[in-house]
Amino acid sequence: MNLNEGIDISNWQAFWATACHSLWKWRNKEVHEENYHRPMRPHVEISRYARDYNLAVKVDNVVTALPKMLVHIKWRPPEGIWVVLNTDGAIKDKCLAGC
Protein backbone atom coordinates (compact mmCIF):
# COMPACT_ATOMS: atom_id res chain seq x y z
CA MET A 1 0.00 0.00 0.00
CA ASN A 2 1.82 3.07 -1.24
CA LEU A 3 -1.00 5.26 0.08
CA ASN A 4 -0.72 4.08 3.68
CA GLU A 5 -0.68 7.52 5.28
CA GLY A 6 -3.42 6.93 7.82
CA ILE A 7 -5.98 6.25 5.10
CA ASP A 8 -8.52 3.52 5.75
CA ILE A 9 -9.35 1.85 2.44
CA SER A 10 -12.18 -0.49 3.37
CA ASN A 11 -13.59 -0.63 -0.16
CA TRP A 12 -10.66 -0.84 -2.58
CA GLN A 13 -12.88 -0.98 -5.69
CA ALA A 14 -14.63 2.28 -4.74
CA PHE A 15 -11.30 3.90 -3.87
CA TRP A 16 -9.73 2.86 -7.19
CA ALA A 17 -12.72 4.04 -9.27
CA THR A 18 -12.83 7.32 -7.34
CA ALA A 19 -9.09 7.82 -7.83
CA CYS A 20 -9.30 7.22 -11.59
CA HIS A 21 -12.28 9.54 -11.96
CA SER A 22 -10.68 12.27 -9.81
CA LEU A 23 -7.38 12.18 -11.69
CA TRP A 24 -9.24 12.33 -15.03
CA LYS A 25 -11.41 15.23 -13.81
CA TRP A 26 -8.45 17.16 -12.40
CA ARG A 27 -6.45 16.70 -15.61
CA ASN A 28 -9.36 18.00 -17.70
CA LYS A 29 -9.73 21.01 -15.41
CA GLU A 30 -6.01 21.76 -15.75
CA VAL A 31 -6.32 21.70 -19.53
CA HIS A 32 -9.57 23.68 -19.81
CA GLU A 33 -9.59 26.02 -16.80
CA GLU A 34 -6.87 28.62 -16.72
CA ASN A 35 -6.56 29.08 -12.94
CA TYR A 36 -7.17 25.51 -11.77
CA HIS A 37 -4.61 23.73 -9.59
CA ARG A 38 -4.79 20.12 -8.44
CA PRO A 39 -5.23 19.48 -4.71
CA MET A 40 -1.97 19.55 -2.76
CA ARG A 41 -2.72 16.15 -1.15
CA PRO A 42 -4.76 14.28 -3.77
CA HIS A 43 -4.83 11.01 -1.78
CA VAL A 44 -6.61 12.79 1.08
CA GLU A 45 -9.16 14.30 -1.31
CA ILE A 46 -9.73 10.94 -3.00
CA SER A 47 -10.13 9.28 0.40
CA ARG A 48 -12.77 11.82 1.34
CA TYR A 49 -14.67 11.21 -1.92
CA ALA A 50 -14.47 7.42 -1.45
CA ARG A 51 -15.66 7.71 2.17
CA ASP A 52 -18.63 9.81 1.07
CA TYR A 53 -19.43 7.23 -1.60
CA ASN A 54 -19.28 4.37 0.92
CA LEU A 55 -21.61 6.25 3.28
CA ALA A 56 -24.05 6.86 0.43
CA VAL A 57 -24.02 3.15 -0.44
CA LYS A 58 -24.82 2.26 3.19
CA VAL A 59 -27.74 4.70 3.28
CA ASP A 60 -29.00 3.41 -0.07
CA ASN A 61 -28.86 -0.17 1.22
CA VAL A 62 -30.96 0.81 4.24
CA VAL A 63 -33.55 2.58 2.09
CA THR A 64 -33.81 -0.19 -0.49
CA ALA A 65 -34.15 -2.81 2.26
CA LEU A 66 -37.40 -1.27 3.53
CA PRO A 67 -40.57 -3.20 2.70
CA LYS A 68 -42.40 -1.94 -0.34
CA MET A 69 -46.12 -1.91 -1.06
CA LEU A 70 -47.57 -1.81 -4.56
CA VAL A 71 -50.36 0.75 -4.85
CA HIS A 72 -52.20 1.24 -8.12
CA ILE A 73 -52.93 4.90 -8.69
CA LYS A 74 -55.28 6.21 -11.34
CA TRP A 75 -57.33 9.29 -12.05
CA ARG A 76 -60.97 9.12 -11.04
CA PRO A 77 -63.54 11.56 -12.37
CA PRO A 78 -65.37 13.62 -9.74
CA GLU A 79 -68.80 12.52 -8.60
CA GLY A 80 -71.92 14.50 -9.45
CA ILE A 81 -71.63 17.90 -11.09
CA TRP A 82 -68.14 18.69 -9.83
CA VAL A 83 -65.34 19.76 -12.16
CA VAL A 84 -61.67 18.99 -11.51
CA LEU A 85 -58.88 21.23 -12.78
CA ASN A 86 -55.58 19.32 -12.96
CA THR A 87 -52.42 21.45 -13.03
CA ASP A 88 -48.77 20.56 -13.16
CA GLY A 89 -47.49 23.75 -11.59
CA ALA A 90 -45.89 24.98 -14.83
CA ILE A 91 -45.08 28.68 -14.81
CA LYS A 92 -43.11 30.96 -17.11
CA ASP A 93 -41.46 34.26 -16.24
CA LYS A 94 -43.27 34.36 -12.88
CA CYS A 95 -46.56 35.36 -14.50
CA LEU A 96 -47.84 32.87 -17.09
CA ALA A 97 -49.10 29.55 -15.78
CA GLY A 98 -50.03 26.40 -17.66
CA CYS A 99 -52.71 23.91 -16.82
PDB file of N, CA and C in Angstrom:
ATOM      1  N   MET A   1       0.848  -1.184   0.000  1.00  0.00           N
ATOM      2  CA  MET A   1       0.000   0.000   0.000  1.00  0.00           C
ATOM      3  C   MET A   1       0.890   1.243   0.000  1.00  0.00           C
ATOM      4  N   ASN A   2       1.035   1.846  -1.150  1.00  0.00           N
ATOM      5  CA  ASN A   2       1.818   3.071  -1.243  1.00  0.00           C
ATOM      6  C   ASN A   2       1.096   4.267  -0.637  1.00  0.00           C
ATOM      7  N   LEU A   3      -0.214   4.142  -0.435  1.00  0.00           N
ATOM      8  CA  LEU A   3      -1.000   5.259   0.078  1.00  0.00           C
ATOM      9  C   LEU A   3      -1.251   5.137   1.570  1.00  0.00           C
ATOM     10  N   ASN A   4      -0.463   4.344   2.270  1.00  0.00           N
ATOM     11  CA  ASN A   4      -0.721   4.080   3.675  1.00  0.00           C
ATOM     12  C   ASN A   4      -0.254   5.242   4.549  1.00  0.00           C
ATOM     13  N   GLU A   5      -0.968   6.350   4.450  1.00  0.00           N
ATOM     14  CA  GLU A   5      -0.683   7.525   5.281  1.00  0.00           C
ATOM     15  C   GLU A   5      -1.874   7.781   6.191  1.00  0.00           C
ATOM     16  N   GLY A   6      -2.276   6.776   6.932  1.00  0.00           N
ATOM     17  CA  GLY A   6      -3.417   6.933   7.821  1.00  0.00           C
ATOM     18  C   GLY A   6      -4.745   6.870   7.097  1.00  0.00           C
ATOM     19  N   ILE A   7      -4.748   6.333   5.889  1.00  0.00           N
ATOM     20  CA  ILE A   7      -5.976   6.246   5.101  1.00  0.00           C
ATOM     21  C   ILE A   7      -6.556   4.858   5.257  1.00  0.00           C
ATOM     22  N   ASP A   8      -7.827   4.801   5.623  1.00  0.00           N
ATOM     23  CA  ASP A   8      -8.515   3.520   5.747  1.00  0.00           C
ATOM     24  C   ASP A   8      -9.226   3.234   4.432  1.00  0.00           C
ATOM     25  N   ILE A   9      -8.732   2.237   3.706  1.00  0.00           N
ATOM     26  CA  ILE A   9      -9.354   1.854   2.441  1.00  0.00           C
ATOM     27  C   ILE A   9     -10.113   0.563   2.677  1.00  0.00           C
ATOM     28  N   SER A  10     -11.372   0.697   3.075  1.00  0.00           N
ATOM     29  CA  SER A  10     -12.176  -0.488   3.373  1.00  0.00           C
ATOM     30  C   SER A  10     -12.829  -1.040   2.106  1.00  0.00           C
ATOM     31  N   ASN A  11     -12.979  -0.201   1.095  1.00  0.00           N
ATOM     32  CA  ASN A  11     -13.589  -0.628  -0.163  1.00  0.00           C
ATOM     33  C   ASN A  11     -12.631  -0.242  -1.292  1.00  0.00           C
ATOM     34  N   TRP A  12     -11.697  -1.149  -1.593  1.00  0.00           N
ATOM     35  CA  TRP A  12     -10.660  -0.841  -2.576  1.00  0.00           C
ATOM     36  C   TRP A  12     -11.232  -0.515  -3.942  1.00  0.00           C
ATOM     37  N   GLN A  13     -12.294  -1.228  -4.375  1.00  0.00           N
ATOM     38  CA  GLN A  13     -12.877  -0.982  -5.693  1.00  0.00           C
ATOM     39  C   GLN A  13     -13.408   0.457  -5.786  1.00  0.00           C
ATOM     40  N   ALA A  14     -14.097   0.903  -4.751  1.00  0.00           N
ATOM     41  CA  ALA A  14     -14.629   2.279  -4.742  1.00  0.00           C
ATOM     42  C   ALA A  14     -13.489   3.290  -4.722  1.00  0.00           C
ATOM     43  N   PHE A  15     -12.449   2.995  -3.935  1.00  0.00           N
ATOM     44  CA  PHE A  15     -11.299   3.903  -3.872  1.00  0.00           C
ATOM     45  C   PHE A  15     -10.616   4.017  -5.231  1.00  0.00           C
ATOM     46  N   TRP A  16     -10.393   2.877  -5.888  1.00  0.00           N
ATOM     47  CA  TRP A  16      -9.729   2.864  -7.190  1.00  0.00           C
ATOM     48  C   TRP A  16     -10.540   3.620  -8.233  1.00  0.00           C
ATOM     49  N   ALA A  17     -11.856   3.348  -8.299  1.00  0.00           N
ATOM     50  CA  ALA A  17     -12.718   4.035  -9.267  1.00  0.00           C
ATOM     51  C   ALA A  17     -12.756   5.532  -8.990  1.00  0.00           C
ATOM     52  N   THR A  18     -12.820   5.897  -7.723  1.00  0.00           N
ATOM     53  CA  THR A  18     -12.832   7.315  -7.345  1.00  0.00           C
ATOM     54  C   THR A  18     -11.511   7.976  -7.704  1.00  0.00           C
ATOM     55  N   ALA A  19     -10.410   7.274  -7.491  1.00  0.00           N
ATOM     56  CA  ALA A  19      -9.091   7.823  -7.826  1.00  0.00           C
ATOM     57  C   ALA A  19      -8.975   8.060  -9.330  1.00  0.00           C
ATOM     58  N   CYS A  20      -9.370   7.065 -10.125  1.00  0.00           N
ATOM     59  CA  CYS A  20      -9.296   7.221 -11.586  1.00  0.00           C
ATOM     60  C   CYS A  20     -10.160   8.386 -12.054  1.00  0.00           C
ATOM     61  N   HIS A  21     -11.386   8.456 -11.547  1.00  0.00           N
ATOM     62  CA  HIS A  21     -12.277   9.543 -11.957  1.00  0.00           C
ATOM     63  C   HIS A  21     -11.713  10.903 -11.534  1.00  0.00           C
ATOM     64  N   SER A  22     -11.218  10.996 -10.303  1.00  0.00           N
ATOM     65  CA  SER A  22     -10.683  12.273  -9.806  1.00  0.00           C
ATOM     66  C   SER A  22      -9.482  12.726 -10.617  1.00  0.00           C
ATOM     67  N   LEU A  23      -8.560  11.818 -10.901  1.00  0.00           N
ATOM     68  CA  LEU A  23      -7.382  12.183 -11.692  1.00  0.00           C
ATOM     69  C   LEU A  23      -7.774  12.639 -13.093  1.00  0.00           C
ATOM     70  N   TRP A  24      -8.747  11.942 -13.697  1.00  0.00           N
ATOM     71  CA  TRP A  24      -9.237  12.331 -15.026  1.00  0.00           C
ATOM     72  C   TRP A  24      -9.876  13.714 -14.977  1.00  0.00           C
ATOM     73  N   LYS A  25     -10.723  13.946 -13.949  1.00  0.00           N
ATOM     74  CA  LYS A  25     -11.412  15.233 -13.813  1.00  0.00           C
ATOM     75  C   LYS A  25     -10.408  16.365 -13.573  1.00  0.00           C
ATOM     76  N   TRP A  26      -9.443  16.135 -12.686  1.00  0.00           N
ATOM     77  CA  TRP A  26      -8.451  17.165 -12.397  1.00  0.00           C
ATOM     78  C   TRP A  26      -7.596  17.478 -13.617  1.00  0.00           C
ATOM     79  N   ARG A  27      -7.241  16.472 -14.392  1.00  0.00           N
ATOM     80  CA  ARG A  27      -6.451  16.704 -15.610  1.00  0.00           C
ATOM     81  C   ARG A  27      -7.245  17.541 -16.602  1.00  0.00           C
ATOM     82  N   ASN A  28      -8.528  17.215 -16.789  1.00  0.00           N
ATOM     83  CA  ASN A  28      -9.363  18.003 -17.700  1.00  0.00           C
ATOM     84  C   ASN A  28      -9.489  19.444 -17.235  1.00  0.00           C
ATOM     85  N   LYS A  29      -9.633  19.644 -15.929  1.00  0.00           N
ATOM     86  CA  LYS A  29      -9.733  21.009 -15.412  1.00  0.00           C
ATOM     87  C   LYS A  29      -8.432  21.777 -15.647  1.00  0.00           C
ATOM     88  N   GLU A  30      -7.298  21.096 -15.493  1.00  0.00           N
ATOM     89  CA  GLU A  30      -6.012  21.763 -15.749  1.00  0.00           C
ATOM     90  C   GLU A  30      -5.907  22.205 -17.201  1.00  0.00           C
ATOM     91  N   VAL A  31      -6.411  21.392 -18.112  1.00  0.00           N
ATOM     92  CA  VAL A  31      -6.323  21.700 -19.530  1.00  0.00           C
ATOM     93  C   VAL A  31      -7.294  22.811 -19.918  1.00  0.00           C
ATOM     94  N   HIS A  32      -8.502  22.789 -19.339  1.00  0.00           N
ATOM     95  CA  HIS A  32      -9.567  23.676 -19.808  1.00  0.00           C
ATOM     96  C   HIS A  32      -9.860  24.881 -18.915  1.00  0.00           C
ATOM     97  N   GLU A  33      -9.361  24.885 -17.692  1.00  0.00           N
ATOM     98  CA  GLU A  33      -9.586  26.024 -16.798  1.00  0.00           C
ATOM     99  C   GLU A  33      -8.249  26.666 -16.475  1.00  0.00           C
ATOM    100  N   GLU A  34      -8.146  27.919 -16.807  1.00  0.00           N
ATOM    101  CA  GLU A  34      -6.866  28.620 -16.721  1.00  0.00           C
ATOM    102  C   GLU A  34      -6.270  28.652 -15.311  1.00  0.00           C
ATOM    103  N   ASN A  35      -7.085  28.885 -14.293  1.00  0.00           N
ATOM    104  CA  ASN A  35      -6.562  29.081 -12.938  1.00  0.00           C
ATOM    105  C   ASN A  35      -6.741  27.860 -12.032  1.00  0.00           C
ATOM    106  N   TYR A  36      -6.951  26.693 -12.600  1.00  0.00           N
ATOM    107  CA  TYR A  36      -7.173  25.509 -11.775  1.00  0.00           C
ATOM    108  C   TYR A  36      -5.848  24.878 -11.361  1.00  0.00           C
ATOM    109  N   HIS A  37      -5.773  24.458 -10.104  1.00  0.00           N
ATOM    110  CA  HIS A  37      -4.609  23.734  -9.586  1.00  0.00           C
ATOM    111  C   HIS A  37      -5.103  22.483  -8.877  1.00  0.00           C
ATOM    112  N   ARG A  38      -4.418  21.374  -9.107  1.00  0.00           N
ATOM    113  CA  ARG A  38      -4.790  20.124  -8.439  1.00  0.00           C
ATOM    114  C   ARG A  38      -4.658  20.277  -6.930  1.00  0.00           C
ATOM    115  N   PRO A  39      -5.392  19.452  -6.168  1.00  0.00           N
ATOM    116  CA  PRO A  39      -5.232  19.479  -4.714  1.00  0.00           C
ATOM    117  C   PRO A  39      -3.794  19.153  -4.308  1.00  0.00           C
ATOM    118  N   MET A  40      -3.340  19.766  -3.231  1.00  0.00           N
ATOM    119  CA  MET A  40      -1.970  19.547  -2.759  1.00  0.00           C
ATOM    120  C   MET A  40      -1.767  18.117  -2.262  1.00  0.00           C
ATOM    121  N   ARG A  41      -2.793  17.524  -1.653  1.00  0.00           N
ATOM    122  CA  ARG A  41      -2.720  16.150  -1.149  1.00  0.00           C
ATOM    123  C   ARG A  41      -3.846  15.358  -1.795  1.00  0.00           C
ATOM    124  N   PRO A  42      -3.668  14.929  -3.040  1.00  0.00           N
ATOM    125  CA  PRO A  42      -4.757  14.280  -3.774  1.00  0.00           C
ATOM    126  C   PRO A  42      -5.271  13.007  -3.099  1.00  0.00           C
ATOM    127  N   HIS A  43      -4.382  12.252  -2.436  1.00  0.00           N
ATOM    128  CA  HIS A  43      -4.829  11.015  -1.784  1.00  0.00           C
ATOM    129  C   HIS A  43      -5.827  11.296  -0.660  1.00  0.00           C
ATOM    130  N   VAL A  44      -5.670  12.433   0.020  1.00  0.00           N
ATOM    131  CA  VAL A  44      -6.613  12.792   1.082  1.00  0.00           C
ATOM    132  C   VAL A  44      -7.966  13.155   0.464  1.00  0.00           C
ATOM    133  N   GLU A  45      -7.924  13.905  -0.609  1.00  0.00           N
ATOM    134  CA  GLU A  45      -9.158  14.295  -1.313  1.00  0.00           C
ATOM    135  C   GLU A  45      -9.883  13.061  -1.862  1.00  0.00           C
ATOM    136  N   ILE A  46      -9.140  12.168  -2.459  1.00  0.00           N
ATOM    137  CA  ILE A  46      -9.728  10.943  -2.999  1.00  0.00           C
ATOM    138  C   ILE A  46     -10.313  10.093  -1.872  1.00  0.00           C
ATOM    139  N   SER A  47      -9.616  10.019  -0.750  1.00  0.00           N
ATOM    140  CA  SER A  47     -10.133   9.276   0.401  1.00  0.00           C
ATOM    141  C   SER A  47     -11.457   9.850   0.883  1.00  0.00           C
ATOM    142  N   ARG A  48     -11.531  11.157   0.900  1.00  0.00           N
ATOM    143  CA  ARG A  48     -12.765  11.818   1.335  1.00  0.00           C
ATOM    144  C   ARG A  48     -13.904  11.486   0.371  1.00  0.00           C
ATOM    145  N   TYR A  49     -13.642  11.549  -0.923  1.00  0.00           N
ATOM    146  CA  TYR A  49     -14.667  11.210  -1.916  1.00  0.00           C
ATOM    147  C   TYR A  49     -15.119   9.755  -1.770  1.00  0.00           C
ATOM    148  N   ALA A  50     -14.149   8.846  -1.585  1.00  0.00           N
ATOM    149  CA  ALA A  50     -14.475   7.424  -1.447  1.00  0.00           C
ATOM    150  C   ALA A  50     -15.263   7.177  -0.166  1.00  0.00           C
ATOM    151  N   ARG A  51     -14.912   7.846   0.911  1.00  0.00           N
ATOM    152  CA  ARG A  51     -15.656   7.709   2.168  1.00  0.00           C
ATOM    153  C   ARG A  51     -17.099   8.160   1.994  1.00  0.00           C
ATOM    154  N   ASP A  52     -17.287   9.309   1.324  1.00  0.00           N
ATOM    155  CA  ASP A  52     -18.633   9.806   1.066  1.00  0.00           C
ATOM    156  C   ASP A  52     -19.438   8.823   0.215  1.00  0.00           C
ATOM    157  N   TYR A  53     -18.769   8.226  -0.763  1.00  0.00           N
ATOM    158  CA  TYR A  53     -19.432   7.227  -1.603  1.00  0.00           C
ATOM    159  C   TYR A  53     -19.866   6.026  -0.768  1.00  0.00           C
ATOM    160  N   ASN A  54     -18.964   5.531   0.079  1.00  0.00           N
ATOM    161  CA  ASN A  54     -19.281   4.374   0.919  1.00  0.00           C
ATOM    162  C   ASN A  54     -20.440   4.666   1.870  1.00  0.00           C
ATOM    163  N   LEU A  55     -20.480   5.874   2.415  1.00  0.00           N
ATOM    164  CA  LEU A  55     -21.607   6.252   3.281  1.00  0.00           C
ATOM    165  C   LEU A  55     -22.911   6.298   2.488  1.00  0.00           C
ATOM    166  N   ALA A  56     -22.860   6.808   1.274  1.00  0.00           N
ATOM    167  CA  ALA A  56     -24.054   6.860   0.434  1.00  0.00           C
ATOM    168  C   ALA A  56     -24.551   5.457   0.095  1.00  0.00           C
ATOM    169  N   VAL A  57     -23.636   4.534  -0.145  1.00  0.00           N
ATOM    170  CA  VAL A  57     -24.024   3.153  -0.442  1.00  0.00           C
ATOM    171  C   VAL A  57     -24.721   2.535   0.768  1.00  0.00           C
ATOM    172  N   LYS A  58     -24.199   2.790   1.973  1.00  0.00           N
ATOM    173  CA  LYS A  58     -24.821   2.255   3.189  1.00  0.00           C
ATOM    174  C   LYS A  58     -26.232   2.793   3.362  1.00  0.00           C
ATOM    175  N   VAL A  59     -26.416   4.095   3.153  1.00  0.00           N
ATOM    176  CA  VAL A  59     -27.744   4.696   3.279  1.00  0.00           C
ATOM    177  C   VAL A  59     -28.673   4.120   2.225  1.00  0.00           C
ATOM    178  N   ASP A  60     -28.180   3.966   1.002  1.00  0.00           N
ATOM    179  CA  ASP A  60     -28.999   3.411  -0.067  1.00  0.00           C
ATOM    180  C   ASP A  60     -29.428   1.981   0.269  1.00  0.00           C
ATOM    181  N   ASN A  61     -28.519   1.199   0.845  1.00  0.00           N
ATOM    182  CA  ASN A  61     -28.862  -0.172   1.219  1.00  0.00           C
ATOM    183  C   ASN A  61     -29.949  -0.203   2.287  1.00  0.00           C
ATOM    184  N   VAL A  62     -29.926   0.742   3.201  1.00  0.00           N
ATOM    185  CA  VAL A  62     -30.962   0.811   4.236  1.00  0.00           C
ATOM    186  C   VAL A  62     -32.299   1.159   3.611  1.00  0.00           C
ATOM    187  N   VAL A  63     -32.307   2.139   2.726  1.00  0.00           N
ATOM    188  CA  VAL A  63     -33.546   2.577   2.093  1.00  0.00           C
ATOM    189  C   VAL A  63     -34.129   1.493   1.200  1.00  0.00           C
ATOM    190  N   THR A  64     -33.298   0.837   0.420  1.00  0.00           N
ATOM    191  CA  THR A  64     -33.813  -0.188  -0.492  1.00  0.00           C
ATOM    192  C   THR A  64     -34.220  -1.455   0.242  1.00  0.00           C
ATOM    193  N   ALA A  65     -33.777  -1.623   1.492  1.00  0.00           N
ATOM    194  CA  ALA A  65     -34.145  -2.811   2.260  1.00  0.00           C
ATOM    195  C   ALA A  65     -35.521  -2.669   2.914  1.00  0.00           C
ATOM    196  N   LEU A  66     -36.078  -1.471   2.926  1.00  0.00           N
ATOM    197  CA  LEU A  66     -37.395  -1.268   3.531  1.00  0.00           C
ATOM    198  C   LEU A  66     -38.460  -2.004   2.731  1.00  0.00           C
ATOM    199  N   PRO A  67     -39.500  -2.505   3.427  1.00  0.00           N
ATOM    200  CA  PRO A  67     -40.568  -3.205   2.696  1.00  0.00           C
ATOM    201  C   PRO A  67     -41.311  -2.249   1.768  1.00  0.00           C
ATOM    202  N   LYS A  68     -41.707  -2.764   0.649  1.00  0.00           N
ATOM    203  CA  LYS A  68     -42.402  -1.943  -0.344  1.00  0.00           C
ATOM    204  C   LYS A  68     -43.823  -2.455  -0.509  1.00  0.00           C
ATOM    205  N   MET A  69     -44.740  -1.540  -0.829  1.00  0.00           N
ATOM    206  CA  MET A  69     -46.121  -1.907  -1.057  1.00  0.00           C
ATOM    207  C   MET A  69     -46.535  -1.365  -2.420  1.00  0.00           C
ATOM    208  N   LEU A  70     -47.114  -2.210  -3.241  1.00  0.00           N
ATOM    209  CA  LEU A  70     -47.567  -1.805  -4.556  1.00  0.00           C
ATOM    210  C   LEU A  70     -48.949  -1.186  -4.432  1.00  0.00           C
ATOM    211  N   VAL A  71     -49.080   0.046  -4.899  1.00  0.00           N
ATOM    212  CA  VAL A  71     -50.356   0.749  -4.852  1.00  0.00           C
ATOM    213  C   VAL A  71     -50.667   1.236  -6.263  1.00  0.00           C
ATOM    214  N   HIS A  72     -51.788   0.799  -6.791  1.00  0.00           N
ATOM    215  CA  HIS A  72     -52.203   1.239  -8.119  1.00  0.00           C
ATOM    216  C   HIS A  72     -52.891   2.591  -7.989  1.00  0.00           C
ATOM    217  N   ILE A  73     -52.387   3.552  -8.737  1.00  0.00           N
ATOM    218  CA  ILE A  73     -52.929   4.904  -8.689  1.00  0.00           C
ATOM    219  C   ILE A  73     -53.508   5.228 -10.057  1.00  0.00           C
ATOM    220  N   LYS A  74     -54.702   5.791 -10.067  1.00  0.00           N
ATOM    221  CA  LYS A  74     -55.280   6.215 -11.338  1.00  0.00           C
ATOM    222  C   LYS A  74     -56.183   7.406 -11.085  1.00  0.00           C
ATOM    223  N   TRP A  75     -56.447   8.135 -12.136  1.00  0.00           N
ATOM    224  CA  TRP A  75     -57.326   9.289 -12.050  1.00  0.00           C
ATOM    225  C   TRP A  75     -58.768   8.811 -12.001  1.00  0.00           C
ATOM    226  N   ARG A  76     -59.548   9.442 -11.126  1.00  0.00           N
ATOM    227  CA  ARG A  76     -60.969   9.123 -11.036  1.00  0.00           C
ATOM    228  C   ARG A  76     -61.756  10.407 -11.276  1.00  0.00           C
ATOM    229  N   PRO A  77     -62.729  10.357 -12.131  1.00  0.00           N
ATOM    230  CA  PRO A  77     -63.539  11.560 -12.371  1.00  0.00           C
ATOM    231  C   PRO A  77     -64.327  11.921 -11.114  1.00  0.00           C
ATOM    232  N   PRO A  78     -64.610  13.208 -10.924  1.00  0.00           N
ATOM    233  CA  PRO A  78     -65.373  13.619  -9.737  1.00  0.00           C
ATOM    234  C   PRO A  78     -66.820  13.108  -9.810  1.00  0.00           C
ATOM    235  N   GLU A  79     -67.415  12.963  -8.651  1.00  0.00           N
ATOM    236  CA  GLU A  79     -68.803  12.520  -8.598  1.00  0.00           C
ATOM    237  C   GLU A  79     -69.738  13.713  -8.765  1.00  0.00           C
ATOM    238  N   GLY A  80     -70.906  13.457  -9.313  1.00  0.00           N
ATOM    239  CA  GLY A  80     -71.920  14.496  -9.445  1.00  0.00           C
ATOM    240  C   GLY A  80     -71.558  15.536 -10.475  1.00  0.00           C
ATOM    241  N   ILE A  81     -71.825  16.797 -10.135  1.00  0.00           N
ATOM    242  CA  ILE A  81     -71.628  17.897 -11.093  1.00  0.00           C
ATOM    243  C   ILE A  81     -70.305  18.634 -10.871  1.00  0.00           C
ATOM    244  N   TRP A  82     -69.412  18.049 -10.120  1.00  0.00           N
ATOM    245  CA  TRP A  82     -68.135  18.692  -9.829  1.00  0.00           C
ATOM    246  C   TRP A  82     -67.215  18.676 -11.050  1.00  0.00           C
ATOM    247  N   VAL A  83     -66.350  19.673 -11.111  1.00  0.00           N
ATOM    248  CA  VAL A  83     -65.336  19.759 -12.156  1.00  0.00           C
ATOM    249  C   VAL A  83     -63.974  19.764 -11.474  1.00  0.00           C
ATOM    250  N   VAL A  84     -63.023  19.040 -12.052  1.00  0.00           N
ATOM    251  CA  VAL A  84     -61.668  18.992 -11.508  1.00  0.00           C
ATOM    252  C   VAL A  84     -60.728  19.672 -12.485  1.00  0.00           C
ATOM    253  N   LEU A  85     -59.895  20.561 -11.967  1.00  0.00           N
ATOM    254  CA  LEU A  85     -58.883  21.227 -12.778  1.00  0.00           C
ATOM    255  C   LEU A  85     -57.527  20.659 -12.360  1.00  0.00           C
ATOM    256  N   ASN A  86     -56.899  19.886 -13.238  1.00  0.00           N
ATOM    257  CA  ASN A  86     -55.576  19.319 -12.962  1.00  0.00           C
ATOM    258  C   ASN A  86     -54.514  20.276 -13.477  1.00  0.00           C
ATOM    259  N   THR A  87     -53.526  20.582 -12.621  1.00  0.00           N
ATOM    260  CA  THR A  87     -52.422  21.450 -13.031  1.00  0.00           C
ATOM    261  C   THR A  87     -51.107  20.762 -12.704  1.00  0.00           C
ATOM    262  N   ASP A  88     -50.089  21.135 -13.441  1.00  0.00           N
ATOM    263  CA  ASP A  88     -48.772  20.557 -13.159  1.00  0.00           C
ATOM    264  C   ASP A  88     -47.834  21.586 -12.547  1.00  0.00           C
ATOM    265  N   GLY A  89     -48.322  22.741 -12.225  1.00  0.00           N
ATOM    266  CA  GLY A  89     -47.490  23.749 -11.592  1.00  0.00           C
ATOM    267  C   GLY A  89     -46.556  24.465 -12.543  1.00  0.00           C
ATOM    268  N   ALA A  90     -46.762  24.327 -13.857  1.00  0.00           N
ATOM    269  CA  ALA A  90     -45.888  24.983 -14.826  1.00  0.00           C
ATOM    270  C   ALA A  90     -46.100  26.489 -14.776  1.00  0.00           C
ATOM    271  N   ILE A  91     -44.997  27.223 -14.823  1.00  0.00           N
ATOM    272  CA  ILE A  91     -45.076  28.683 -14.811  1.00  0.00           C
ATOM    273  C   ILE A  91     -43.916  29.233 -15.637  1.00  0.00           C
ATOM    274  N   LYS A  92     -44.156  30.356 -16.279  1.00  0.00           N
ATOM    275  CA  LYS A  92     -43.110  30.963 -17.106  1.00  0.00           C
ATOM    276  C   LYS A  92     -42.987  32.431 -16.742  1.00  0.00           C
ATOM    277  N   ASP A  93     -41.775  32.867 -16.544  1.00  0.00           N
ATOM    278  CA  ASP A  93     -41.463  34.263 -16.241  1.00  0.00           C
ATOM    279  C   ASP A  93     -42.272  34.806 -15.071  1.00  0.00           C
ATOM    280  N   LYS A  94     -42.563  33.977 -14.101  1.00  0.00           N
ATOM    281  CA  LYS A  94     -43.274  34.363 -12.881  1.00  0.00           C
ATOM    282  C   LYS A  94     -44.639  34.977 -13.111  1.00  0.00           C
ATOM    283  N   CYS A  95     -45.230  34.766 -14.301  1.00  0.00           N
ATOM    284  CA  CYS A  95     -46.556  35.364 -14.500  1.00  0.00           C
ATOM    285  C   CYS A  95     -47.489  34.475 -15.326  1.00  0.00           C
ATOM    286  N   LEU A  96     -46.972  33.708 -16.272  1.00  0.00           N
ATOM    287  CA  LEU A  96     -47.836  32.871 -17.090  1.00  0.00           C
ATOM    288  C   LEU A  96     -47.825  31.451 -16.538  1.00  0.00           C
ATOM    289  N   ALA A  97     -49.014  30.903 -16.312  1.00  0.00           N
ATOM    290  CA  ALA A  97     -49.104  29.554 -15.779  1.00  0.00           C
ATOM    291  C   ALA A  97     -49.760  28.635 -16.793  1.00  0.00           C
ATOM    292  N   GLY A  98     -49.413  27.374 -16.775  1.00  0.00           N
ATOM    293  CA  GLY A  98     -50.033  26.395 -17.657  1.00  0.00           C
ATOM    294  C   GLY A  98     -50.879  25.429 -16.849  1.00  0.00           C
ATOM    295  N   CYS A  99     -51.880  24.906 -17.510  1.00  0.00           N
ATOM    296  CA  CYS A  99     -52.709  23.914 -16.819  1.00  0.00           C
ATOM    297  C   CYS A  99     -53.314  22.972 -17.849  1.00  0.00           C
TER     298      CYS A  99
END
